Amino acid sequence: MATNLVVPLGRGMKNQRINGEIDIIAYDGETLVFVEVKTRTSDEVAAPERAVDLRKQRQIARAARRYRQMMKVSEESYRYDVVAVMPDSSGFKIELLPGYFSDAVFRRSRYFDSFSR
């Protein structure tokens, strides 16, 4: 298990370093799970998990792909979960959303592939 892991993804157009971060990496049985944790003080505007938009999903997927390559676990099954955290009257409400998104849309993208080399 790892937390707050920063993974190098390469260099940007201005030669700046590009890193990706994964909040939690753990196994659920035989499945490697990449978890994004989102905390909000209120859900009046939107639920915490709504902050994991397409841009954030792509960042997580790129970092996860690089991690899987570095650790030589590319062939293992994996998924992306989100943990939503919000305060409530008894402390905090914590909700696990397993399989919140898939990286299938990014695997077909030339943009995503360019960072997997």
Protein backbone atom coordinates (compact mmCIF):
# COMPACT_ATOMS: atom_id res chain seq x y z
CA MET A 1 0.00 0.00 0.00
CA ALA A 2 1.16 3.53 -0.76
CA THR A 3 -0.26 6.97 -0.02
CA ASN A 4 0.30 10.33 -1.70
CA LEU A 5 2.59 8.80 -4.29
CA VAL A 6 4.10 11.21 -6.81
CA VAL A 7 4.96 9.62 -10.16
CA PRO A 8 7.09 11.29 -12.87
CA LEU A 9 5.21 11.48 -16.17
CA GLY A 10 7.72 13.30 -18.36
CA ARG A 11 8.26 16.86 -19.53
CA GLY A 12 5.87 19.50 -20.77
CA MET A 13 6.11 21.71 -23.84
CA LYS A 14 8.29 24.20 -21.94
CA ASN A 15 10.50 21.37 -20.65
CA GLN A 16 8.98 21.55 -17.16
CA ARG A 17 8.67 18.34 -15.19
CA ILE A 18 5.22 16.80 -15.14
CA ASN A 19 4.26 14.63 -12.17
CA GLY A 20 1.08 12.81 -11.29
CA GLU A 21 -0.15 12.06 -7.79
CA ILE A 22 -2.19 9.15 -6.54
CA ASP A 23 -3.74 9.49 -3.09
CA ILE A 24 -3.92 5.78 -2.21
CA ILE A 25 -2.72 2.63 -3.96
CA ALA A 26 -3.85 -0.65 -2.41
CA TYR A 27 -5.07 -4.12 -3.25
CA ASP A 28 -8.66 -5.25 -2.90
CA GLY A 29 -8.11 -8.98 -3.12
CA GLU A 30 -6.37 -9.53 -6.47
CA THR A 31 -7.34 -6.09 -7.85
CA LEU A 32 -4.93 -3.16 -7.72
CA VAL A 33 -6.93 -0.07 -6.71
CA PHE A 34 -6.04 3.57 -7.32
CA VAL A 35 -8.02 5.79 -4.95
CA GLU A 36 -8.69 9.53 -5.18
CA VAL A 37 -9.83 11.10 -1.90
CA LYS A 38 -11.99 14.22 -2.10
CA THR A 39 -13.01 16.19 0.98
CA ARG A 40 -15.51 19.03 1.01
CA THR A 41 -16.98 21.09 3.84
CA SER A 42 -20.40 21.13 2.17
CA ASP A 43 -22.23 19.50 -0.70
CA GLU A 44 -24.39 22.56 -1.39
CA VAL A 45 -22.63 23.26 -4.70
CA ALA A 46 -21.64 19.69 -5.62
CA ALA A 47 -20.79 16.38 -4.01
CA PRO A 48 -17.06 15.81 -3.37
CA GLU A 49 -16.76 13.10 -6.04
CA ARG A 50 -17.92 15.57 -8.70
CA ALA A 51 -14.48 17.21 -8.43
CA VAL A 52 -13.04 14.10 -10.09
CA ASP A 53 -13.85 15.44 -13.53
CA LEU A 54 -12.51 14.21 -16.86
CA ARG A 55 -9.29 16.24 -16.54
CA LYS A 56 -8.60 14.80 -13.06
CA GLN A 57 -9.48 11.29 -14.24
CA ARG A 58 -6.94 11.61 -17.06
CA GLN A 59 -4.25 12.74 -14.60
CA ILE A 60 -4.96 9.82 -12.29
CA ALA A 61 -5.05 7.33 -15.19
CA ARG A 62 -1.71 8.58 -16.54
CA ALA A 63 -0.07 8.33 -13.12
CA ALA A 64 -1.58 4.88 -12.52
CA ARG A 65 -0.35 3.63 -15.88
CA ARG A 66 3.16 4.90 -15.14
CA TYR A 67 3.06 3.32 -11.66
CA ARG A 68 1.97 -0.02 -13.12
CA GLN A 69 4.87 0.13 -15.61
CA MET A 70 7.42 1.06 -12.93
CA MET A 71 6.25 -1.69 -10.56
CA LYS A 72 5.92 -4.25 -13.40
CA VAL A 73 2.26 -4.96 -12.63
CA SER A 74 0.83 -3.86 -15.99
CA GLU A 75 -0.96 -7.16 -16.50
CA GLU A 76 -2.79 -7.14 -13.16
CA SER A 77 -6.44 -6.17 -12.94
CA TYR A 78 -7.03 -2.67 -11.57
CA ARG A 79 -9.73 -0.10 -10.98
CA TYR A 80 -10.24 3.51 -9.97
CA ASP A 81 -12.17 4.34 -6.80
CA VAL A 82 -13.13 7.63 -5.19
CA VAL A 83 -13.57 8.25 -1.48
CA ALA A 84 -15.86 11.19 -0.68
CA VAL A 85 -15.45 12.77 2.76
CA MET A 86 -17.84 15.32 4.27
CA PRO A 87 -18.46 16.52 7.82
CA ASP A 88 -21.75 15.58 9.43
CA SER A 89 -23.28 15.78 12.90
CA SER A 90 -21.35 12.75 14.19
CA GLY A 91 -17.96 13.67 12.72
CA PHE A 92 -17.42 12.73 9.10
CA LYS A 93 -19.39 10.88 6.48
CA ILE A 94 -17.06 8.74 4.37
CA GLU A 95 -18.33 7.08 1.23
CA LEU A 96 -16.36 4.66 -0.95
CA LEU A 97 -17.33 4.74 -4.63
CA PRO A 98 -15.66 1.66 -6.18
CA GLY A 99 -15.06 1.72 -9.93
CA TYR A 100 -16.00 5.41 -10.10
CA PHE A 101 -14.43 5.78 -13.54
CA SER A 102 -12.65 3.80 -16.24
CA ASP A 103 -9.58 4.72 -18.25
CA ALA A 104 -10.96 3.11 -21.43
CA VAL A 105 -11.58 6.48 -23.08
CA PHE A 106 -7.97 7.52 -22.44
CA ARG A 107 -6.47 4.26 -23.74
CA ARG A 108 -7.84 5.09 -27.19
CA SER A 109 -6.33 8.57 -27.07
CA ARG A 110 -3.04 9.41 -28.74
CA TYR A 111 -2.53 12.00 -25.98
CA PHE A 112 -2.66 9.33 -23.27
CA ASP A 113 -0.40 6.97 -25.22
CA SER A 114 2.28 9.62 -25.69
CA PHE A 115 2.94 9.59 -21.94
CA SER A 116 3.09 5.81 -21.62
CA ARG A 117 6.40 5.39 -23.41
